[in-house]
Amino acid sequence: MNNRIDDTPIYNMKVVLQETGLKPDTIRVWERRYGLPRPDRSEGGHRLYSQRDIESIKWLIARQVDGLSISRAVELWNTLIAEGNDPLQPPPPAEATITAEKGDLTEMRNAWVSACLVYDEGRAERVLNESFAAYTPESVCLGVLMKGLSQIGDGWYQGEITVQQEHFASALAMRRLEVLLDAAPPPSRGHRLLVAAPPSEEHVFSLLLLTVLLRRQGWDVVYLGSNIPLENLDDAITTTYPRLVVSSAQRLSTAADLLGMAQRLHDAGTTLAFGGRIFNVLPDLRDYIPGYFISETIEDAPQTIEQIVEGAVLPSKKSAHSVPHQQALKHFREQLPLIEAAIWQAVQDSDLQHDHVSIANMNMARGISAALEFGNMAFLKEDVKWNNALLENHAIPGQTLYTYLAIYRDALAANLGVSGEPIVRWLDDLINSDVFERER
């Protein structure tokens, strides 16, 4: 069936302006510089446009809303025409679209990932341009960018993808989200939301993506980005008066920072909604954060946020202030220089590499501090299991971490005394657990 739009030139410039909302100068620049639209001339020399010209202008405007520059939008138009595809053809029926979208978005995601892995920025951008032309921004953000980065992250964890490749893809994805954010329509809802990562949290793709999704639904969202000091957050709240603050944490250490943020917001009477990977891995951790857990998937987050704003009941929370654990935390931080000095002394006679020990010391200090903040050393076990599997995937024997933890345990026992018993006891249990069954 041919649904080609009428290309008979019968409309003057005034009609085009009424239909598209553009200014005359903009349309003339597009005609002169990009060759779109392509009006005819009347006998008197006046421009005459067809319905197809008007629809082509609307198509270009829509691509700009999706985040493309006008030059990229025209390039995409010409590419589709050259391939024999009419950009203005209506989409197939809804049921067929769903089926096609699953397959096509998967192919587009795989093509985007492949381009990123060989650092082909041009090809990666073309794949995204074609994706945004064919599907909604929400579908592309979730189906190509988010799932593509997850696929790349899994490859890095398995030792199949380098950190440089992961950083390259993340940078491209973040840049596209920022373009979409700039192109989002003005707010149409009354309440303001503030989105900010807690101190030390650098992974904010999910927060930026959520901001884009919320902005496209009409929310007034102020996005602050990563690693926000609490005093800066206080200032932003005083200035913006948000109905809700939205945040996330990916690791146990940043969840502890989020706990501090949540307590501060709670004391000031500001509502918090939170999510992130660590709360999916450790669901019990949600009970310690004074705020609303959003959801395990970002697709469901906007709906949950709407329910929170409308007055959903806050579930009861646990206290993270265990006196023995707080005492252990204070003493641990005071003795940390002596603990690490003892570790460096002990590893001199081992096969452990200097840079590995430096990173491990930093991560262990953060992890132990976070677990003590929550009053539950068991929360740290998932971190250790994750790191152990990561080392093995990158061809570093599990015995390496087992040896390091044994050294760490002895350094703790020698420098912490009675108040450090919760940490030492937990390390004893961990070293003898199924995590290191093969190494014992």
Protein backbone atom coordinates (compact mmCIF):
# COMPACT_ATOMS: atom_id res chain seq x y z
CA MET A 1 0.00 0.00 0.00
CA ASN A 2 1.41 3.39 -1.03
CA ASN A 3 0.85 6.01 1.68
CA ARG A 4 3.09 8.62 0.09
CA ILE A 5 2.15 12.14 1.20
CA ASP A 6 0.95 14.56 -1.48
CA ASP A 7 3.81 16.54 -3.02
CA THR A 8 1.71 19.04 -4.99
CA PRO A 9 3.09 22.56 -4.28
CA ILE A 10 0.01 24.58 -3.22
CA TYR A 11 0.83 26.21 0.17
CA ASN A 12 2.48 29.57 0.74
CA MET A 13 4.99 30.43 3.46
CA LYS A 14 2.28 31.62 5.87
CA VAL A 15 0.69 28.17 5.95
CA VAL A 16 4.06 26.53 6.58
CA LEU A 17 4.78 28.86 9.49
CA GLN A 18 1.38 28.12 11.04
CA GLU A 19 1.86 24.36 10.66
CA THR A 20 5.46 24.12 11.93
CA GLY A 21 5.96 27.04 14.30
CA LEU A 22 9.29 27.93 12.70
CA LYS A 23 10.44 31.40 11.71
CA PRO A 24 10.76 32.32 7.99
CA ASP A 25 14.53 32.87 8.32
CA THR A 26 14.99 29.36 9.74
CA ILE A 27 13.13 27.72 6.86
CA ARG A 28 15.07 29.73 4.29
CA VAL A 29 18.40 28.76 5.92
CA TRP A 30 17.42 25.09 5.88
CA GLU A 31 16.48 25.34 2.20
CA ARG A 32 19.70 27.11 1.24
CA ARG A 33 22.14 25.17 3.42
CA TYR A 34 20.65 21.68 3.56
CA GLY A 35 18.26 21.43 0.61
CA LEU A 36 15.24 20.68 2.81
CA PRO A 37 12.45 21.49 2.25
CA ARG A 38 12.40 21.84 -1.57
CA PRO A 39 9.64 24.31 -2.52
CA ASP A 40 8.58 25.22 -6.03
CA ARG A 41 8.02 28.79 -7.20
CA SER A 42 4.84 30.46 -8.41
CA GLU A 43 4.79 32.50 -11.61
CA GLY A 44 5.41 35.54 -9.44
CA GLY A 45 8.48 33.93 -7.83
CA HIS A 46 6.88 33.13 -4.46
CA ARG A 47 7.67 29.87 -2.68
CA LEU A 48 5.03 27.15 -2.85
CA TYR A 49 5.20 24.17 -0.51
CA SER A 50 3.55 20.76 -0.67
CA GLN A 51 2.12 18.79 2.23
CA ARG A 52 5.19 16.59 1.95
CA ASP A 53 7.41 19.66 2.42
CA ILE A 54 5.50 20.57 5.58
CA GLU A 55 5.74 17.03 6.95
CA SER A 56 9.47 16.90 6.17
CA ILE A 57 9.97 20.07 8.24
CA LYS A 58 8.01 18.52 11.11
CA TRP A 59 10.17 15.39 10.81
CA LEU A 60 13.35 17.47 11.09
CA ILE A 61 11.97 19.28 14.13
CA ALA A 62 11.14 15.94 15.77
CA ARG A 63 14.70 14.71 15.20
CA GLN A 64 16.03 17.84 16.90
CA VAL A 65 13.80 17.11 19.89
CA ASP A 66 15.31 13.61 19.91
CA GLY A 67 18.74 15.21 20.27
CA LEU A 68 20.12 15.48 16.71
CA SER A 69 21.57 18.66 15.27
CA ILE A 70 19.85 19.90 12.10
CA SER A 71 22.83 18.82 9.99
CA ARG A 72 22.72 15.29 11.46
CA ALA A 73 18.94 15.15 10.97
CA VAL A 74 19.28 16.08 7.28
CA GLU A 75 22.09 13.54 6.89
CA LEU A 76 19.82 10.86 8.35
CA TRP A 77 16.97 11.91 6.02
CA ASN A 78 19.24 11.62 2.98
CA THR A 79 20.59 8.27 4.15
CA LEU A 80 17.10 6.83 4.52
CA ILE A 81 16.07 8.14 1.09
CA ALA A 82 19.23 6.70 -0.50
CA GLU A 83 18.40 3.31 1.03
CA GLY A 84 14.92 3.41 -0.50
CA ASN A 85 13.13 4.17 2.76
CA ASP A 86 10.64 7.01 3.04
CA PRO A 87 11.14 8.77 6.41
CA LEU A 88 7.52 9.96 6.32
CA GLN A 89 5.91 6.56 5.86
CA PRO A 90 3.64 5.74 8.82
CA PRO A 91 4.80 3.00 11.22
CA PRO A 92 3.29 -0.50 11.03
CA PRO A 93 0.36 -1.44 13.31
CA ALA A 94 1.09 -1.43 17.05
CA GLU A 95 1.40 -5.20 17.49
CA ALA A 96 3.83 -5.51 14.58
CA THR A 97 5.83 -2.55 15.88
CA ILE A 98 6.42 -4.25 19.22
CA THR A 99 7.70 -7.39 17.54
CA ALA A 100 9.89 -5.50 15.11
CA GLU A 101 11.24 -3.20 17.81
CA LYS A 102 12.58 -6.06 19.89
CA GLY A 103 14.54 -7.51 17.03
CA ASP A 104 15.63 -4.24 15.46
CA LEU A 105 16.69 -2.64 18.72
CA THR A 106 18.72 -5.73 19.55
CA GLU A 107 20.49 -5.48 16.21
CA MET A 108 21.04 -1.76 16.70
CA ARG A 109 22.39 -2.33 20.19
CA ASN A 110 24.81 -4.98 18.94
CA ALA A 111 25.91 -2.68 16.11
CA TRP A 112 26.46 0.19 18.57
CA VAL A 113 28.43 -2.01 20.96
CA SER A 114 30.57 -3.36 18.10
CA ALA A 115 31.37 0.19 16.95
CA CYS A 116 32.29 1.25 20.48
CA LEU A 117 34.62 -1.70 20.97
CA VAL A 118 36.72 -0.63 17.96
CA TYR A 119 36.52 3.08 18.95
CA ASP A 120 34.56 3.93 15.78
CA GLU A 121 32.76 7.05 17.01
CA GLY A 122 31.33 7.90 13.60
CA ARG A 123 29.70 4.50 13.14
CA ALA A 124 28.43 4.46 16.73
CA GLU A 125 26.80 7.86 16.21
CA ARG A 126 25.22 6.79 12.92
CA VAL A 127 23.70 3.74 14.61
CA LEU A 128 22.21 5.97 17.30
CA ASN A 129 20.91 8.46 14.72
CA GLU A 130 19.13 5.68 12.85
CA SER A 131 17.78 4.27 16.11
CA PHE A 132 16.34 7.61 17.23
CA ALA A 133 14.79 8.11 13.80
CA ALA A 134 13.00 4.77 13.97
CA TYR A 135 11.99 4.58 17.65
CA THR A 136 11.12 6.79 20.58
CA PRO A 137 13.96 8.30 22.60
CA GLU A 138 12.83 6.23 25.60
CA SER A 139 13.11 2.99 23.62
CA VAL A 140 16.58 3.82 22.31
CA CYS A 141 17.89 5.02 25.68
CA LEU A 142 16.72 1.86 27.42
CA GLY A 143 17.15 -0.67 24.62
CA VAL A 144 20.41 0.53 23.03
CA LEU A 145 22.30 2.78 25.45
CA MET A 146 21.45 1.27 28.83
CA LYS A 147 21.47 -2.37 27.73
CA GLY A 148 24.51 -1.75 25.54
CA LEU A 149 26.51 -0.34 28.45
CA SER A 150 25.36 -3.24 30.62
CA GLN A 151 26.58 -5.66 27.94
CA ILE A 152 29.94 -3.89 27.79
CA GLY A 153 30.18 -3.83 31.60
CA ASP A 154 29.57 -7.57 31.75
CA GLY A 155 32.31 -8.05 29.16
CA TRP A 156 34.74 -6.04 31.25
CA TYR A 157 33.86 -8.04 34.36
CA GLN A 158 34.46 -11.27 32.44
CA GLY A 159 37.86 -10.02 31.31
CA GLU A 160 36.82 -9.82 27.64
CA ILE A 161 36.67 -6.01 27.33
CA THR A 162 39.19 -3.40 28.47
CA VAL A 163 38.43 -0.52 30.79
CA GLN A 164 39.34 1.86 27.95
CA GLN A 165 36.62 0.39 25.75
CA GLU A 166 34.12 0.70 28.60
CA HIS A 167 35.07 4.34 29.20
CA PHE A 168 34.77 5.15 25.48
CA ALA A 169 31.24 3.73 25.27
CA SER A 170 30.16 5.39 28.51
CA ALA A 171 31.37 8.77 27.29
CA LEU A 172 29.39 8.45 24.04
CA ALA A 173 26.26 7.36 25.91
CA MET A 174 26.51 10.16 28.48
CA ARG A 175 27.03 12.72 25.73
CA ARG A 176 23.88 11.58 23.92
CA LEU A 177 21.85 11.75 27.14
CA GLU A 178 23.07 15.31 27.73
CA VAL A 179 21.89 16.27 24.23
CA LEU A 180 18.47 14.75 24.93
CA LEU A 181 18.34 16.60 28.22
CA ASP A 182 19.02 19.91 26.49
CA ALA A 183 16.28 19.18 23.93
CA ALA A 184 13.64 18.13 26.49
CA PRO A 185 10.37 20.11 26.49
CA PRO A 186 9.73 22.71 29.21
CA PRO A 187 8.18 21.43 32.48
CA SER A 188 4.43 20.96 32.57
CA ARG A 189 4.11 19.57 36.13
CA GLY A 190 3.97 21.60 39.30
CA HIS A 191 6.46 19.77 41.51
CA ARG A 192 10.24 20.11 41.23
CA LEU A 193 12.63 17.18 41.59
CA LEU A 194 16.34 17.35 42.39
CA VAL A 195 18.63 14.55 41.17
CA ALA A 196 22.09 14.19 42.73
CA ALA A 197 24.61 11.44 43.47
CA PRO A 198 25.99 11.16 47.03
CA PRO A 199 29.60 12.06 47.86
CA SER A 200 32.17 9.76 46.15
CA GLU A 201 29.61 8.24 43.75
CA GLU A 202 30.98 8.72 40.22
CA HIS A 203 28.69 6.34 38.30
CA VAL A 204 25.72 8.46 37.26
CA PHE A 205 24.55 7.09 33.90
CA SER A 206 21.38 5.73 35.50
CA LEU A 207 20.67 9.04 37.26
CA LEU A 208 21.16 11.04 34.05
CA LEU A 209 18.99 8.58 32.11
CA LEU A 210 16.27 8.85 34.76
CA THR A 211 16.49 12.64 34.52
CA VAL A 212 15.94 12.44 30.75
CA LEU A 213 12.93 10.13 31.20
CA LEU A 214 11.40 12.40 33.84
CA ARG A 215 12.02 15.57 31.82
CA ARG A 216 10.30 14.01 28.81
CA GLN A 217 7.29 13.31 31.01
CA GLY A 218 7.04 16.98 31.94
CA TRP A 219 8.77 16.95 35.32
CA ASP A 220 10.75 19.97 36.46
CA VAL A 221 14.07 18.27 37.23
CA VAL A 222 17.28 19.89 38.49
CA TYR A 223 20.21 17.55 37.72
CA LEU A 224 23.37 18.08 39.81
CA GLY A 225 25.47 15.12 38.66
CA SER A 226 28.07 13.03 40.48
CA ASN A 227 29.90 13.26 43.78
CA ILE A 228 27.90 16.06 45.41
CA PRO A 229 29.26 17.27 48.79
CA LEU A 230 26.49 17.44 51.37
CA GLU A 231 27.02 21.14 52.07
CA ASN A 232 26.57 21.85 48.34
CA LEU A 233 23.40 19.79 48.37
CA ASP A 234 22.09 21.86 51.28
CA ASP A 235 22.62 25.00 49.27
CA ALA A 236 20.87 23.57 46.20
CA ILE A 237 17.86 22.49 48.27
CA THR A 238 17.58 25.91 49.89
CA THR A 239 17.62 27.49 46.43
CA THR A 240 15.35 25.08 44.50
CA TYR A 241 12.86 23.85 47.17
CA PRO A 242 12.42 20.38 45.60
CA ARG A 243 9.42 18.19 46.38
CA LEU A 244 11.72 15.16 46.17
CA VAL A 245 15.46 14.41 46.03
CA VAL A 246 16.43 11.40 43.89
CA SER A 247 19.77 9.62 44.33
CA SER A 248 21.49 6.27 43.81
CA ALA A 249 24.48 4.18 44.87
CA GLN A 250 26.26 1.38 43.04
CA ARG A 251 28.70 0.05 45.69
CA LEU A 252 28.47 -0.54 49.43
CA SER A 253 30.86 2.34 50.15
CA THR A 254 28.71 4.86 48.26
CA ALA A 255 25.58 3.41 49.88
CA ALA A 256 27.09 4.48 53.21
CA ASP A 257 27.53 7.99 51.79
CA LEU A 258 23.92 7.85 50.63
CA LEU A 259 22.93 6.89 54.18
CA GLY A 260 24.59 10.06 55.45
CA MET A 261 22.79 12.09 52.78
CA ALA A 262 19.46 10.46 53.62
CA GLN A 263 19.80 11.14 57.33
CA ARG A 264 20.67 14.76 56.64
CA LEU A 265 17.69 15.20 54.32
CA HIS A 266 15.37 13.46 56.76
CA ASP A 267 16.43 15.76 59.60
CA ALA A 268 15.77 18.76 57.33
CA GLY A 269 12.31 17.48 56.36
CA THR A 270 13.22 16.73 52.72
CA THR A 271 11.99 13.53 51.09
CA LEU A 272 14.47 11.13 49.43
CA ALA A 273 13.91 8.47 46.78
CA PHE A 274 16.82 6.15 46.01
CA GLY A 275 17.94 3.14 44.01
CA GLY A 276 21.03 1.61 42.41
CA ARG A 277 22.81 -1.68 41.87
CA ILE A 278 23.83 -2.32 45.48
CA PHE A 279 20.21 -2.18 46.66
CA ASN A 280 19.31 -4.86 44.11
CA VAL A 281 22.22 -7.07 45.17
CA LEU A 282 21.55 -6.50 48.90
CA PRO A 283 17.80 -5.87 49.29
CA ASP A 284 18.09 -5.76 53.10
CA LEU A 285 20.19 -2.62 52.70
CA ARG A 286 17.09 -0.68 51.61
CA ASP A 287 15.66 -0.93 55.13
CA TYR A 288 18.44 1.26 56.54
CA ILE A 289 17.97 4.28 54.23
CA PRO A 290 15.39 6.80 55.50
CA GLY A 291 13.62 7.30 52.20
CA TYR A 292 11.66 5.54 49.46
CA PHE A 293 13.27 2.77 47.42
CA ILE A 294 12.34 3.54 43.81
CA SER A 295 12.50 0.22 41.96
CA GLU A 296 14.89 -2.45 40.74
CA THR A 297 14.54 -1.31 37.11
CA ILE A 298 14.80 2.19 35.72
CA GLU A 299 11.79 1.56 33.47
CA ASP A 300 9.54 1.50 36.55
CA ALA A 301 11.20 4.44 38.32
CA PRO A 302 9.13 7.33 36.84
CA GLN A 303 5.85 5.70 37.87
CA THR A 304 7.15 5.03 41.38
CA ILE A 305 8.38 8.61 41.69
CA GLU A 306 4.93 9.85 40.72
CA GLN A 307 3.38 7.70 43.46
CA ILE A 308 5.87 9.06 45.99
CA VAL A 309 5.11 12.66 45.04
CA GLU A 310 1.40 11.93 45.35
CA GLY A 311 1.90 10.79 48.95
CA ALA A 312 2.85 7.11 49.10
CA VAL A 313 3.39 5.88 52.68
CA LEU A 314 7.04 5.64 53.76
CA PRO A 315 7.86 2.12 55.02
CA SER A 316 9.45 1.70 58.44
CA LYS A 317 13.25 1.79 58.56
CA LYS A 318 15.94 0.17 60.70
CA SER A 319 18.46 2.09 62.73
CA ALA A 320 22.01 1.85 61.42
CA HIS A 321 23.49 3.02 64.73
CA SER A 322 24.83 -0.08 66.51
CA VAL A 323 26.98 1.08 69.44
CA PRO A 324 29.59 -1.74 69.13
CA HIS A 325 29.90 -1.16 65.38
CA GLN A 326 30.16 2.62 65.79
CA GLN A 327 32.91 2.14 68.38
CA ALA A 328 34.69 -0.28 66.06
CA LEU A 329 34.38 2.20 63.19
CA LYS A 330 35.87 5.03 65.21
CA HIS A 331 38.79 2.91 66.39
CA PHE A 332 39.32 1.42 62.90
CA ARG A 333 39.65 4.89 61.36
CA GLU A 334 42.04 6.00 64.08
CA GLN A 335 44.25 2.93 63.67
CA LEU A 336 44.06 2.70 59.86
CA PRO A 337 47.59 4.12 59.24
CA LEU A 338 49.09 1.50 61.58
CA ILE A 339 46.98 -1.26 60.02
CA GLU A 340 48.13 -0.39 56.50
CA ALA A 341 51.75 -0.07 57.64
CA ALA A 342 51.54 -3.61 59.05
CA ILE A 343 50.04 -4.84 55.76
CA TRP A 344 52.86 -3.29 53.71
CA GLN A 345 55.41 -4.91 56.02
CA ALA A 346 53.77 -8.31 55.63
CA VAL A 347 53.39 -8.24 51.84
CA GLN A 348 57.11 -7.66 51.28
CA ASP A 349 57.64 -11.41 51.48
CA SER A 350 54.60 -12.29 49.33
CA ASP A 351 53.88 -12.36 45.60
CA LEU A 352 51.31 -9.59 45.88
CA GLN A 353 51.93 -6.68 43.48
CA HIS A 354 52.33 -3.17 44.86
CA ASP A 355 49.57 -1.58 42.78
CA HIS A 356 47.13 -4.40 43.63
CA VAL A 357 47.79 -3.90 47.35
CA SER A 358 47.28 -0.14 47.08
CA ILE A 359 43.89 -0.57 45.42
CA ALA A 360 42.90 -3.36 47.80
CA ASN A 361 43.81 -1.27 50.87
CA MET A 362 41.66 1.60 49.66
CA ASN A 363 38.68 -0.63 48.80
CA MET A 364 38.91 -2.60 52.06
CA ALA A 365 39.01 0.57 54.14
CA ARG A 366 35.97 1.94 52.35
CA GLY A 367 34.11 -1.36 52.50
CA ILE A 368 34.76 -1.99 56.19
CA SER A 369 33.81 1.58 57.08
CA ALA A 370 30.57 1.25 55.10
CA ALA A 371 29.62 -2.07 56.67
CA LEU A 372 30.25 -0.64 60.15
CA GLU A 373 28.16 2.42 59.28
CA PHE A 374 25.25 0.08 58.60
CA GLY A 375 26.04 -2.02 61.67
CA ASN A 376 26.29 -5.23 59.66
CA MET A 377 29.64 -6.64 58.52
CA ALA A 378 27.82 -9.32 56.48
CA PHE A 379 27.02 -6.66 53.86
CA LEU A 380 30.68 -6.65 52.86
CA LYS A 381 30.69 -10.29 51.79
CA GLU A 382 29.08 -9.52 48.42
CA ASP A 383 31.82 -6.98 47.69
CA VAL A 384 34.50 -9.58 48.42
CA LYS A 385 32.77 -12.24 46.30
CA TRP A 386 32.45 -9.78 43.42
CA ASN A 387 36.13 -8.81 43.62
CA ASN A 388 37.24 -12.43 43.90
CA ALA A 389 35.35 -13.39 40.74
CA LEU A 390 36.66 -10.27 38.98
CA LEU A 391 40.27 -11.24 39.74
CA GLU A 392 39.74 -14.77 38.46
CA ASN A 393 38.07 -13.48 35.29
CA HIS A 394 41.15 -11.32 34.69
CA ALA A 395 43.52 -14.29 35.14
CA ILE A 396 44.57 -13.34 38.67
CA PRO A 397 44.35 -16.45 40.93
CA GLY A 398 41.80 -16.43 43.76
CA GLN A 399 44.66 -17.32 46.08
CA THR A 400 45.83 -13.71 45.69
CA LEU A 401 42.80 -12.25 47.46
CA TYR A 402 42.77 -15.07 50.02
CA THR A 403 46.40 -14.30 50.93
CA TYR A 404 45.72 -10.58 51.12
CA LEU A 405 42.69 -11.00 53.40
CA ALA A 406 44.66 -13.26 55.74
CA ILE A 407 47.34 -10.59 55.99
CA TYR A 408 44.68 -7.93 56.52
CA ARG A 409 43.06 -9.98 59.28
CA ASP A 410 46.37 -10.30 61.17
CA ALA A 411 47.04 -6.57 60.84
CA LEU A 412 43.57 -5.80 62.26
CA ALA A 413 44.00 -8.19 65.19
CA ALA A 414 47.39 -6.68 66.06
CA ASN A 415 46.19 -3.06 66.01
CA LEU A 416 42.51 -2.92 66.99
CA GLY A 417 42.19 -4.86 70.22
CA VAL A 418 38.79 -5.59 71.79
CA SER A 419 36.83 -2.89 69.94
CA GLY A 420 37.86 -4.39 66.60
CA GLU A 421 36.40 -7.81 67.34
CA PRO A 422 33.38 -7.38 64.99
CA ILE A 423 35.75 -6.85 62.06
CA VAL A 424 38.27 -9.55 62.96
CA ARG A 425 35.54 -12.09 63.66
CA TRP A 426 33.88 -11.34 60.33
CA LEU A 427 37.17 -11.73 58.44
CA ASP A 428 37.81 -15.05 60.19
CA ASP A 429 34.38 -16.27 59.07
CA LEU A 430 34.90 -14.97 55.54
CA ILE A 431 38.33 -16.57 55.10
CA ASN A 432 36.87 -19.89 56.18
CA SER A 433 33.70 -19.56 54.12
CA ASP A 434 32.74 -21.11 50.76
CA VAL A 435 34.06 -17.99 48.97
CA PHE A 436 37.62 -19.32 49.34
CA GLU A 437 36.93 -23.06 49.55
CA ARG A 438 39.36 -23.85 46.72
CA GLU A 439 42.17 -21.76 48.22
CA ARG A 440 42.25 -23.40 51.64
